[in-house]
């Protein structure tokens, strides 16, 4: 059976602060509410640092 999870990607310029923080906050809240297993979450940056 194919993976039925929703894929969610948080993007910012450098992937140093904003997108990893957004990923962490989202996962924290999703775990609190019991639906973290419905998502595959990641973060990335667009800048080539």
C-alpha atoms as a PDB file:
ATOM      1  CA  UNK A   1       0.000   0.000   0.000  1.00  0.00           C
ATOM      2  CA  UNK A   2       1.426   3.426  -0.849  1.00  0.00           C
ATOM      3  CA  UNK A   3       2.337   5.858   1.906  1.00  0.00           C
ATOM      4  CA  UNK A   4      -0.815   7.857   2.691  1.00  0.00           C
ATOM      5  CA  UNK A   5       0.930  10.529   4.747  1.00  0.00           C
ATOM      6  CA  UNK A   6       0.800  14.164   3.677  1.00  0.00           C
ATOM      7  CA  UNK A   7       4.244  15.528   2.840  1.00  0.00           C
ATOM      8  CA  UNK A   8       4.932  18.992   4.234  1.00  0.00           C
ATOM      9  CA  UNK A   9       8.033  21.059   3.431  1.00  0.00           C
ATOM     10  CA  UNK A  10       8.946  24.276   5.235  1.00  0.00           C
ATOM     11  CA  UNK A  11      11.226  26.497   3.121  1.00  0.00           C
ATOM     12  CA  UNK A  12      13.285  29.574   3.949  1.00  0.00           C
ATOM     13  CA  UNK A  13      16.463  31.133   2.599  1.00  0.00           C
ATOM     14  CA  UNK A  14      19.166  29.405   4.616  1.00  0.00           C
ATOM     15  CA  UNK A  15      17.464  26.553   6.529  1.00  0.00           C
ATOM     16  CA  UNK A  16      19.257  27.741   9.652  1.00  0.00           C
ATOM     17  CA  UNK A  17      16.465  29.190  11.819  1.00  0.00           C
ATOM     18  CA  UNK A  18      13.036  29.774  10.313  1.00  0.00           C
ATOM     19  CA  UNK A  19      12.160  26.587   8.455  1.00  0.00           C
ATOM     20  CA  UNK A  20      13.682  24.175  11.042  1.00  0.00           C
ATOM     21  CA  UNK A  21      11.821  26.072  13.774  1.00  0.00           C
ATOM     22  CA  UNK A  22       8.553  25.873  11.823  1.00  0.00           C
ATOM     23  CA  UNK A  23       9.131  22.142  11.302  1.00  0.00           C
ATOM     24  CA  UNK A  24       9.772  21.610  15.007  1.00  0.00           C
ATOM     25  CA  UNK A  25       6.757  23.629  16.125  1.00  0.00           C
ATOM     26  CA  UNK A  26       4.492  21.831  13.667  1.00  0.00           C
ATOM     27  CA  UNK A  27       5.695  18.395  14.796  1.00  0.00           C
ATOM     28  CA  UNK A  28       5.364  19.344  18.463  1.00  0.00           C
ATOM     29  CA  UNK A  29       1.773  20.491  17.996  1.00  0.00           C
ATOM     30  CA  UNK A  30       0.918  17.507  15.788  1.00  0.00           C
ATOM     31  CA  UNK A  31       2.265  15.109  18.435  1.00  0.00           C
ATOM     32  CA  UNK A  32       0.280  16.884  21.162  1.00  0.00           C
ATOM     33  CA  UNK A  33      -2.874  16.420  19.125  1.00  0.00           C
ATOM     34  CA  UNK A  34      -2.106  12.816  18.181  1.00  0.00           C
ATOM     35  CA  UNK A  35      -1.813  13.111  14.411  1.00  0.00           C
ATOM     36  CA  UNK A  36       1.935  13.408  13.776  1.00  0.00           C
ATOM     37  CA  UNK A  37       1.875  10.005  12.063  1.00  0.00           C
ATOM     38  CA  UNK A  38      -0.242  11.509   9.263  1.00  0.00           C
ATOM     39  CA  UNK A  39       2.638  13.714   8.049  1.00  0.00           C
ATOM     40  CA  UNK A  40       6.143  13.482   6.669  1.00  0.00           C
ATOM     41  CA  UNK A  41       7.731  16.821   7.556  1.00  0.00           C
ATOM     42  CA  UNK A  42      11.027  18.331   6.428  1.00  0.00           C
ATOM     43  CA  UNK A  43      12.674  21.717   5.985  1.00  0.00           C
ATOM     44  CA  UNK A  44      15.053  23.161   3.425  1.00  0.00           C
ATOM     45  CA  UNK A  45      16.658  26.374   2.260  1.00  0.00           C
ATOM     46  CA  UNK A  46      16.907  28.021  -1.135  1.00  0.00           C
ATOM     47  CA  UNK A  47      20.259  29.761  -0.604  1.00  0.00           C
ATOM     48  CA  UNK A  48      23.555  28.101  -1.416  1.00  0.00           C
ATOM     49  CA  UNK A  49      25.477  28.917   1.736  1.00  0.00           C
END
